[in-house]
């Protein structure tokens, strides 16, 4: 199969997105998922959104998606409705921004809360209710909502929990598999059983077996042949986004090597 590859701009969280697009372009990246760390890109600022759209068009880079803000008080599973509403507002601002620059997908975290015996059911219920509201709003905006697989120690990070979050949603809502999140807990196959053809997007990165290292594919312990075989079996036609942590040095060289290696591993 022929895969479509993109890169996340969030690989350099402290660098403004406008300052790194040239490096991605030099690396041969033709499509990006926009990151939203505070010092990187602010989807609430219309001047940034406008300038970003102009630069993407100049470099002929396709903006396929945006990773909505998350963390802290921005949690869709928060029992406090005011906090949930703030999280939904941030996601819809991101959806509006990506639509303005020509994209059509918004990736969200249902929650980033560590699992405890006391909080799972309430958090899953609140998260599922928030996703239902967001799904309806995104459909009105012609933006596809994508729910990312959480890390295994977080609420939603087990296949049965993810099922409770997504099974009530309209079939137009998709799921984003993060290769490290799904394999750190050995849940890749379990997530596949739960999600099936809802899989529309992949965050590709590697790890050394313990932490979410955001390494380029091939630099950790993930079985990329199994990842490839799964995607072939599902007839996956979405985007494979390199979501990496970029060290100091040449962004172009680092991303060029990572893209080449990912293409080789998944060929």
C-alpha atoms as a PDB file:
ATOM      1  CA  UNK A   1       0.000   0.000   0.000  1.00  0.00           C
ATOM      2  CA  UNK A   2       0.988   3.608  -0.446  1.00  0.00           C
ATOM      3  CA  UNK A   3       0.930   5.548   2.808  1.00  0.00           C
ATOM      4  CA  UNK A   4       0.470   9.277   3.254  1.00  0.00           C
ATOM      5  CA  UNK A   5       3.033  10.784   5.639  1.00  0.00           C
ATOM      6  CA  UNK A   6       2.941  14.076   7.493  1.00  0.00           C
ATOM      7  CA  UNK A   7       4.816  15.662  10.394  1.00  0.00           C
ATOM      8  CA  UNK A   8       3.607  17.302  13.575  1.00  0.00           C
ATOM      9  CA  UNK A   9       4.825  20.870  14.024  1.00  0.00           C
ATOM     10  CA  UNK A  10       4.675  20.242  17.780  1.00  0.00           C
ATOM     11  CA  UNK A  11       8.062  18.511  17.543  1.00  0.00           C
ATOM     12  CA  UNK A  12       9.572  21.867  18.563  1.00  0.00           C
ATOM     13  CA  UNK A  13       7.155  23.052  21.231  1.00  0.00           C
ATOM     14  CA  UNK A  14       9.036  26.202  22.201  1.00  0.00           C
ATOM     15  CA  UNK A  15       9.624  27.400  18.638  1.00  0.00           C
ATOM     16  CA  UNK A  16       6.904  29.482  16.950  1.00  0.00           C
ATOM     17  CA  UNK A  17       5.331  27.456  14.174  1.00  0.00           C
ATOM     18  CA  UNK A  18       6.136  30.120  11.568  1.00  0.00           C
ATOM     19  CA  UNK A  19       9.843  29.746  12.370  1.00  0.00           C
ATOM     20  CA  UNK A  20       9.998  26.029  11.653  1.00  0.00           C
ATOM     21  CA  UNK A  21       7.976  25.501   8.493  1.00  0.00           C
ATOM     22  CA  UNK A  22      10.980  26.220   6.269  1.00  0.00           C
ATOM     23  CA  UNK A  23      12.950  23.436   7.981  1.00  0.00           C
ATOM     24  CA  UNK A  24      10.107  20.982   7.489  1.00  0.00           C
ATOM     25  CA  UNK A  25       9.872  22.024   3.848  1.00  0.00           C
ATOM     26  CA  UNK A  26      13.601  21.418   3.380  1.00  0.00           C
ATOM     27  CA  UNK A  27      13.131  17.949   4.898  1.00  0.00           C
ATOM     28  CA  UNK A  28      10.652  17.063   2.188  1.00  0.00           C
ATOM     29  CA  UNK A  29       7.577  17.311   4.407  1.00  0.00           C
ATOM     30  CA  UNK A  30       4.519  18.152   2.313  1.00  0.00           C
ATOM     31  CA  UNK A  31       1.791  17.874   4.965  1.00  0.00           C
ATOM     32  CA  UNK A  32       1.612  18.836   8.639  1.00  0.00           C
ATOM     33  CA  UNK A  33      -0.484  18.430  11.738  1.00  0.00           C
ATOM     34  CA  UNK A  34      -0.411  21.694  13.667  1.00  0.00           C
ATOM     35  CA  UNK A  35       0.588  21.616  17.317  1.00  0.00           C
ATOM     36  CA  UNK A  36      -0.861  24.076  19.828  1.00  0.00           C
ATOM     37  CA  UNK A  37       1.613  24.453  22.721  1.00  0.00           C
ATOM     38  CA  UNK A  38       1.305  28.027  24.064  1.00  0.00           C
ATOM     39  CA  UNK A  39       4.684  29.256  22.770  1.00  0.00           C
ATOM     40  CA  UNK A  40       4.263  27.461  19.447  1.00  0.00           C
ATOM     41  CA  UNK A  41       0.866  28.355  17.990  1.00  0.00           C
ATOM     42  CA  UNK A  42      -2.169  30.097  19.470  1.00  0.00           C
ATOM     43  CA  UNK A  43      -5.360  29.206  17.560  1.00  0.00           C
ATOM     44  CA  UNK A  44      -7.203  32.067  19.279  1.00  0.00           C
ATOM     45  CA  UNK A  45      -4.991  34.683  17.584  1.00  0.00           C
ATOM     46  CA  UNK A  46      -6.410  35.491  14.181  1.00  0.00           C
ATOM     47  CA  UNK A  47      -3.202  37.242  13.102  1.00  0.00           C
ATOM     48  CA  UNK A  48      -1.215  34.049  13.703  1.00  0.00           C
ATOM     49  CA  UNK A  49      -3.805  31.965  11.879  1.00  0.00           C
ATOM     50  CA  UNK A  50      -3.726  34.311   8.881  1.00  0.00           C
ATOM     51  CA  UNK A  51       0.078  34.398   8.720  1.00  0.00           C
ATOM     52  CA  UNK A  52       0.248  30.628   9.093  1.00  0.00           C
ATOM     53  CA  UNK A  53      -2.129  30.113   6.189  1.00  0.00           C
ATOM     54  CA  UNK A  54      -0.045  32.391   3.989  1.00  0.00           C
ATOM     55  CA  UNK A  55       3.202  30.585   4.844  1.00  0.00           C
ATOM     56  CA  UNK A  56       1.703  27.137   4.313  1.00  0.00           C
ATOM     57  CA  UNK A  57       0.484  28.174   0.883  1.00  0.00           C
ATOM     58  CA  UNK A  58       3.864  29.697  -0.006  1.00  0.00           C
ATOM     59  CA  UNK A  59       5.692  26.492   0.878  1.00  0.00           C
ATOM     60  CA  UNK A  60       2.971  24.274  -0.602  1.00  0.00           C
ATOM     61  CA  UNK A  61       2.566  22.390   2.677  1.00  0.00           C
ATOM     62  CA  UNK A  62      -0.860  20.882   3.265  1.00  0.00           C
ATOM     63  CA  UNK A  63      -2.336  21.446   6.760  1.00  0.00           C
ATOM     64  CA  UNK A  64      -4.159  18.173   7.335  1.00  0.00           C
ATOM     65  CA  UNK A  65      -5.036  18.457  11.019  1.00  0.00           C
ATOM     66  CA  UNK A  66      -4.543  20.259  14.300  1.00  0.00           C
ATOM     67  CA  UNK A  67      -3.840  18.773  17.715  1.00  0.00           C
ATOM     68  CA  UNK A  68      -6.183  20.657  20.030  1.00  0.00           C
ATOM     69  CA  UNK A  69      -4.912  22.158  23.308  1.00  0.00           C
ATOM     70  CA  UNK A  70      -5.040  19.800  26.296  1.00  0.00           C
ATOM     71  CA  UNK A  71      -3.809  19.393  29.845  1.00  0.00           C
ATOM     72  CA  UNK A  72      -4.328  21.240  33.100  1.00  0.00           C
ATOM     73  CA  UNK A  73      -7.877  22.518  33.363  1.00  0.00           C
ATOM     74  CA  UNK A  74      -8.532  21.675  29.707  1.00  0.00           C
ATOM     75  CA  UNK A  75      -9.899  18.183  30.287  1.00  0.00           C
ATOM     76  CA  UNK A  76     -13.055  16.823  28.679  1.00  0.00           C
ATOM     77  CA  UNK A  77     -13.574  14.375  31.541  1.00  0.00           C
ATOM     78  CA  UNK A  78     -13.427  16.939  34.354  1.00  0.00           C
ATOM     79  CA  UNK A  79     -16.409  16.543  36.726  1.00  0.00           C
ATOM     80  CA  UNK A  80     -16.579  20.352  36.907  1.00  0.00           C
ATOM     81  CA  UNK A  81     -18.781  21.407  33.958  1.00  0.00           C
ATOM     82  CA  UNK A  82     -17.071  24.812  33.731  1.00  0.00           C
ATOM     83  CA  UNK A  83     -13.743  23.109  33.107  1.00  0.00           C
ATOM     84  CA  UNK A  84     -15.288  20.776  30.526  1.00  0.00           C
ATOM     85  CA  UNK A  85     -16.834  23.726  28.725  1.00  0.00           C
ATOM     86  CA  UNK A  86     -13.463  25.499  28.660  1.00  0.00           C
ATOM     87  CA  UNK A  87     -11.868  22.399  27.142  1.00  0.00           C
ATOM     88  CA  UNK A  88     -14.574  22.199  24.491  1.00  0.00           C
ATOM     89  CA  UNK A  89     -14.104  25.875  23.695  1.00  0.00           C
ATOM     90  CA  UNK A  90     -10.371  25.369  23.186  1.00  0.00           C
ATOM     91  CA  UNK A  91     -10.992  22.425  20.876  1.00  0.00           C
ATOM     92  CA  UNK A  92     -13.523  24.337  18.794  1.00  0.00           C
ATOM     93  CA  UNK A  93     -11.113  27.280  18.517  1.00  0.00           C
ATOM     94  CA  UNK A  94      -8.509  24.852  17.193  1.00  0.00           C
ATOM     95  CA  UNK A  95     -11.041  23.353  14.777  1.00  0.00           C
ATOM     96  CA  UNK A  96     -11.883  26.824  13.490  1.00  0.00           C
ATOM     97  CA  UNK A  97      -8.194  27.646  13.019  1.00  0.00           C
ATOM     98  CA  UNK A  98      -7.387  24.502  11.062  1.00  0.00           C
ATOM     99  CA  UNK A  99     -10.413  25.024   8.854  1.00  0.00           C
ATOM    100  CA  UNK A 100      -9.303  28.612   8.171  1.00  0.00           C
ATOM    101  CA  UNK A 101      -5.897  27.441   6.910  1.00  0.00           C
ATOM    102  CA  UNK A 102      -7.330  24.615   4.820  1.00  0.00           C
ATOM    103  CA  UNK A 103      -7.365  21.575   7.112  1.00  0.00           C
ATOM    104  CA  UNK A 104     -10.246  19.390   8.180  1.00  0.00           C
ATOM    105  CA  UNK A 105      -9.253  17.256  11.202  1.00  0.00           C
ATOM    106  CA  UNK A 106      -8.932  17.990  14.911  1.00  0.00           C
ATOM    107  CA  UNK A 107      -7.215  15.505  17.239  1.00  0.00           C
ATOM    108  CA  UNK A 108      -8.333  15.555  20.869  1.00  0.00           C
ATOM    109  CA  UNK A 109      -7.456  13.921  24.166  1.00  0.00           C
ATOM    110  CA  UNK A 110     -10.548  12.721  26.018  1.00  0.00           C
ATOM    111  CA  UNK A 111      -8.600  13.033  29.262  1.00  0.00           C
ATOM    112  CA  UNK A 112      -5.070  13.140  30.624  1.00  0.00           C
ATOM    113  CA  UNK A 113      -5.991  12.107  34.169  1.00  0.00           C
ATOM    114  CA  UNK A 114      -4.145   9.253  35.861  1.00  0.00           C
ATOM    115  CA  UNK A 115      -6.401   6.279  36.554  1.00  0.00           C
ATOM    116  CA  UNK A 116      -7.390   5.597  40.175  1.00  0.00           C
ATOM    117  CA  UNK A 117     -10.042   3.122  41.394  1.00  0.00           C
ATOM    118  CA  UNK A 118     -12.287   6.012  42.399  1.00  0.00           C
ATOM    119  CA  UNK A 119     -12.318   8.139  39.273  1.00  0.00           C
ATOM    120  CA  UNK A 120     -12.647   5.888  36.227  1.00  0.00           C
ATOM    121  CA  UNK A 121     -16.418   5.614  35.776  1.00  0.00           C
ATOM    122  CA  UNK A 122     -17.155   9.288  36.418  1.00  0.00           C
ATOM    123  CA  UNK A 123     -14.341  10.431  34.157  1.00  0.00           C
ATOM    124  CA  UNK A 124     -15.399   8.124  31.342  1.00  0.00           C
ATOM    125  CA  UNK A 125     -19.003   9.278  31.623  1.00  0.00           C
ATOM    126  CA  UNK A 126     -18.059  12.968  31.541  1.00  0.00           C
ATOM    127  CA  UNK A 127     -15.582  12.423  28.723  1.00  0.00           C
ATOM    128  CA  UNK A 128     -18.086  10.536  26.586  1.00  0.00           C
ATOM    129  CA  UNK A 129     -20.726  13.238  27.114  1.00  0.00           C
ATOM    130  CA  UNK A 130     -18.247  15.949  26.098  1.00  0.00           C
ATOM    131  CA  UNK A 131     -17.247  14.058  22.961  1.00  0.00           C
ATOM    132  CA  UNK A 132     -20.889  13.727  21.897  1.00  0.00           C
ATOM    133  CA  UNK A 133     -21.305  17.517  22.082  1.00  0.00           C
ATOM    134  CA  UNK A 134     -18.011  18.113  20.271  1.00  0.00           C
ATOM    135  CA  UNK A 135     -18.846  15.627  17.540  1.00  0.00           C
ATOM    136  CA  UNK A 136     -22.046  17.466  16.723  1.00  0.00           C
ATOM    137  CA  UNK A 137     -20.300  20.854  16.703  1.00  0.00           C
ATOM    138  CA  UNK A 138     -17.450  19.590  14.506  1.00  0.00           C
ATOM    139  CA  UNK A 139     -19.912  18.145  12.009  1.00  0.00           C
ATOM    140  CA  UNK A 140     -21.532  21.574  11.679  1.00  0.00           C
ATOM    141  CA  UNK A 141     -18.049  22.983  10.964  1.00  0.00           C
ATOM    142  CA  UNK A 142     -17.205  20.269   8.401  1.00  0.00           C
ATOM    143  CA  UNK A 143     -14.293  19.186  10.586  1.00  0.00           C
ATOM    144  CA  UNK A 144     -13.603  15.550  11.488  1.00  0.00           C
ATOM    145  CA  UNK A 145     -13.173  14.859  15.204  1.00  0.00           C
ATOM    146  CA  UNK A 146     -10.442  12.322  16.044  1.00  0.00           C
ATOM    147  CA  UNK A 147     -10.084  10.837  19.547  1.00  0.00           C
ATOM    148  CA  UNK A 148      -6.500   9.886  20.409  1.00  0.00           C
ATOM    149  CA  UNK A 149      -5.618   6.697  22.285  1.00  0.00           C
ATOM    150  CA  UNK A 150      -4.338   7.665  25.774  1.00  0.00           C
ATOM    151  CA  UNK A 151      -1.266   6.369  27.559  1.00  0.00           C
ATOM    152  CA  UNK A 152      -1.966   3.126  29.451  1.00  0.00           C
ATOM    153  CA  UNK A 153      -1.841   4.668  32.946  1.00  0.00           C
ATOM    154  CA  UNK A 154      -4.447   7.299  32.048  1.00  0.00           C
ATOM    155  CA  UNK A 155      -8.220   6.989  32.090  1.00  0.00           C
ATOM    156  CA  UNK A 156      -9.226   5.689  28.667  1.00  0.00           C
ATOM    157  CA  UNK A 157      -5.864   4.005  28.140  1.00  0.00           C
ATOM    158  CA  UNK A 158      -7.294   0.470  28.203  1.00  0.00           C
ATOM    159  CA  UNK A 159      -9.313  -0.893  25.272  1.00  0.00           C
ATOM    160  CA  UNK A 160     -12.494  -1.412  27.301  1.00  0.00           C
ATOM    161  CA  UNK A 161     -12.316   2.190  28.524  1.00  0.00           C
ATOM    162  CA  UNK A 162     -11.726   3.589  25.047  1.00  0.00           C
ATOM    163  CA  UNK A 163     -14.753   1.613  23.886  1.00  0.00           C
ATOM    164  CA  UNK A 164     -16.922   3.422  26.437  1.00  0.00           C
ATOM    165  CA  UNK A 165     -15.641   6.763  25.137  1.00  0.00           C
ATOM    166  CA  UNK A 166     -16.202   6.190  21.426  1.00  0.00           C
ATOM    167  CA  UNK A 167     -18.962   3.623  20.925  1.00  0.00           C
ATOM    168  CA  UNK A 168     -21.727   6.170  21.519  1.00  0.00           C
ATOM    169  CA  UNK A 169     -20.310   8.555  18.932  1.00  0.00           C
ATOM    170  CA  UNK A 170     -21.488   9.085  15.383  1.00  0.00           C
ATOM    171  CA  UNK A 171     -19.595   6.873  12.934  1.00  0.00           C
ATOM    172  CA  UNK A 172     -18.097   9.960  11.320  1.00  0.00           C
ATOM    173  CA  UNK A 173     -15.981  10.460  14.451  1.00  0.00           C
ATOM    174  CA  UNK A 174     -12.626   8.752  14.069  1.00  0.00           C
ATOM    175  CA  UNK A 175      -9.825   7.519  16.293  1.00  0.00           C
ATOM    176  CA  UNK A 176      -6.147   8.453  16.201  1.00  0.00           C
ATOM    177  CA  UNK A 177      -3.757   5.684  17.248  1.00  0.00           C
ATOM    178  CA  UNK A 178      -0.571   6.887  18.907  1.00  0.00           C
ATOM    179  CA  UNK A 179       1.908   4.071  18.321  1.00  0.00           C
ATOM    180  CA  UNK A 180       3.713   4.623  21.624  1.00  0.00           C
ATOM    181  CA  UNK A 181       0.571   5.118  23.717  1.00  0.00           C
ATOM    182  CA  UNK A 182      -0.936   1.930  22.307  1.00  0.00           C
ATOM    183  CA  UNK A 183       2.155  -0.281  22.571  1.00  0.00           C
ATOM    184  CA  UNK A 184       3.546   0.830  25.945  1.00  0.00           C
ATOM    185  CA  UNK A 185       0.622  -0.976  27.578  1.00  0.00           C
ATOM    186  CA  UNK A 186       0.608  -3.783  24.984  1.00  0.00           C
ATOM    187  CA  UNK A 187      -2.872  -2.672  23.919  1.00  0.00           C
ATOM    188  CA  UNK A 188      -2.331  -2.178  20.178  1.00  0.00           C
ATOM    189  CA  UNK A 189      -4.302  -5.274  19.158  1.00  0.00           C
ATOM    190  CA  UNK A 190      -6.964  -4.616  21.784  1.00  0.00           C
ATOM    191  CA  UNK A 191      -7.482  -1.096  20.477  1.00  0.00           C
ATOM    192  CA  UNK A 192      -7.733  -2.471  16.939  1.00  0.00           C
ATOM    193  CA  UNK A 193     -10.531  -4.821  18.031  1.00  0.00           C
ATOM    194  CA  UNK A 194     -12.400  -1.952  19.687  1.00  0.00           C
ATOM    195  CA  UNK A 195     -11.900   0.655  16.981  1.00  0.00           C
ATOM    196  CA  UNK A 196     -11.882  -1.236  13.685  1.00  0.00           C
ATOM    197  CA  UNK A 197     -12.651   1.020  10.755  1.00  0.00           C
ATOM    198  CA  UNK A 198     -12.885   4.096  12.988  1.00  0.00           C
ATOM    199  CA  UNK A 199      -9.088   4.302  12.718  1.00  0.00           C
ATOM    200  CA  UNK A 200      -8.495   7.374  10.544  1.00  0.00           C
ATOM    201  CA  UNK A 201      -5.185   8.826  11.757  1.00  0.00           C
ATOM    202  CA  UNK A 202      -1.894   7.592  13.241  1.00  0.00           C
ATOM    203  CA  UNK A 203       0.672   9.398  15.369  1.00  0.00           C
ATOM    204  CA  UNK A 204       3.884   7.518  14.623  1.00  0.00           C
ATOM    205  CA  UNK A 205       6.763   7.537  17.090  1.00  0.00           C
ATOM    206  CA  UNK A 206       8.886   5.024  18.968  1.00  0.00           C
ATOM    207  CA  UNK A 207       9.857   4.344  22.581  1.00  0.00           C
ATOM    208  CA  UNK A 208      12.393   2.323  24.572  1.00  0.00           C
ATOM    209  CA  UNK A 209       9.819   0.356  26.562  1.00  0.00           C
ATOM    210  CA  UNK A 210       9.025   2.543  29.563  1.00  0.00           C
ATOM    211  CA  UNK A 211       8.227   6.128  28.628  1.00  0.00           C
ATOM    212  CA  UNK A 212       6.542   8.129  25.878  1.00  0.00           C
ATOM    213  CA  UNK A 213       9.888   9.040  24.324  1.00  0.00           C
ATOM    214  CA  UNK A 214       8.643  10.420  20.966  1.00  0.00           C
ATOM    215  CA  UNK A 215      11.566   8.830  19.133  1.00  0.00           C
ATOM    216  CA  UNK A 216      11.671   8.473  15.357  1.00  0.00           C
ATOM    217  CA  UNK A 217      10.351   5.097  14.165  1.00  0.00           C
ATOM    218  CA  UNK A 218      13.082   2.481  14.324  1.00  0.00           C
ATOM    219  CA  UNK A 219      14.971   4.002  17.252  1.00  0.00           C
ATOM    220  CA  UNK A 220      13.003   2.109  19.909  1.00  0.00           C
ATOM    221  CA  UNK A 221      11.413  -1.269  20.529  1.00  0.00           C
ATOM    222  CA  UNK A 222       8.135  -1.075  18.582  1.00  0.00           C
ATOM    223  CA  UNK A 223       7.480  -3.907  16.119  1.00  0.00           C
ATOM    224  CA  UNK A 224       6.871  -1.812  13.022  1.00  0.00           C
ATOM    225  CA  UNK A 225       6.192  -4.837  10.845  1.00  0.00           C
ATOM    226  CA  UNK A 226       3.195  -5.626  13.067  1.00  0.00           C
ATOM    227  CA  UNK A 227       2.060  -1.999  12.869  1.00  0.00           C
ATOM    228  CA  UNK A 228       2.282  -2.160   9.092  1.00  0.00           C
ATOM    229  CA  UNK A 229       0.429  -5.483   8.872  1.00  0.00           C
ATOM    230  CA  UNK A 230      -2.379  -4.112  11.027  1.00  0.00           C
ATOM    231  CA  UNK A 231      -2.774  -1.023   8.867  1.00  0.00           C
ATOM    232  CA  UNK A 232      -2.843  -3.166   5.731  1.00  0.00           C
ATOM    233  CA  UNK A 233      -5.466  -5.464   7.261  1.00  0.00           C
ATOM    234  CA  UNK A 234      -7.647  -2.467   8.144  1.00  0.00           C
ATOM    235  CA  UNK A 235      -7.114  -0.982   4.668  1.00  0.00           C
ATOM    236  CA  UNK A 236      -6.008   2.182   6.428  1.00  0.00           C
ATOM    237  CA  UNK A 237      -6.198   5.204   4.160  1.00  0.00           C
ATOM    238  CA  UNK A 238      -5.568   8.039   6.590  1.00  0.00           C
ATOM    239  CA  UNK A 239      -2.459  10.016   7.465  1.00  0.00           C
ATOM    240  CA  UNK A 240       0.600   8.724   9.307  1.00  0.00           C
ATOM    241  CA  UNK A 241       1.930  11.710  11.243  1.00  0.00           C
ATOM    242  CA  UNK A 242       5.457  11.714  12.649  1.00  0.00           C
ATOM    243  CA  UNK A 243       4.901  13.078  16.155  1.00  0.00           C
ATOM    244  CA  UNK A 244       8.441  13.409  17.432  1.00  0.00           C
ATOM    245  CA  UNK A 245      10.511  15.289  19.941  1.00  0.00           C
ATOM    246  CA  UNK A 246      13.148  17.170  17.961  1.00  0.00           C
ATOM    247  CA  UNK A 247      16.554  17.747  19.583  1.00  0.00           C
ATOM    248  CA  UNK A 248      18.692  20.828  19.077  1.00  0.00           C
ATOM    249  CA  UNK A 249      20.340  21.000  15.693  1.00  0.00           C
ATOM    250  CA  UNK A 250      19.097  20.891  12.140  1.00  0.00           C
ATOM    251  CA  UNK A 251      15.353  20.280  12.035  1.00  0.00           C
ATOM    252  CA  UNK A 252      15.554  19.576   8.310  1.00  0.00           C
ATOM    253  CA  UNK A 253      18.176  16.832   8.702  1.00  0.00           C
ATOM    254  CA  UNK A 254      16.429  15.228  11.675  1.00  0.00           C
ATOM    255  CA  UNK A 255      13.001  15.153  10.069  1.00  0.00           C
ATOM    256  CA  UNK A 256      14.348  14.074   6.677  1.00  0.00           C
ATOM    257  CA  UNK A 257      16.037  11.044   8.257  1.00  0.00           C
ATOM    258  CA  UNK A 258      12.961  10.221  10.351  1.00  0.00           C
ATOM    259  CA  UNK A 259      10.650  10.425   7.356  1.00  0.00           C
ATOM    260  CA  UNK A 260      12.911   8.233   5.233  1.00  0.00           C
ATOM    261  CA  UNK A 261      13.204   5.601   7.980  1.00  0.00           C
ATOM    262  CA  UNK A 262       9.450   5.552   8.619  1.00  0.00           C
ATOM    263  CA  UNK A 263       8.789   5.033   4.925  1.00  0.00           C
ATOM    264  CA  UNK A 264      11.266   2.134   4.878  1.00  0.00           C
ATOM    265  CA  UNK A 265       9.807   0.456   7.969  1.00  0.00           C
ATOM    266  CA  UNK A 266       6.242   0.645   6.718  1.00  0.00           C
ATOM    267  CA  UNK A 267       6.980  -0.229   3.085  1.00  0.00           C
END
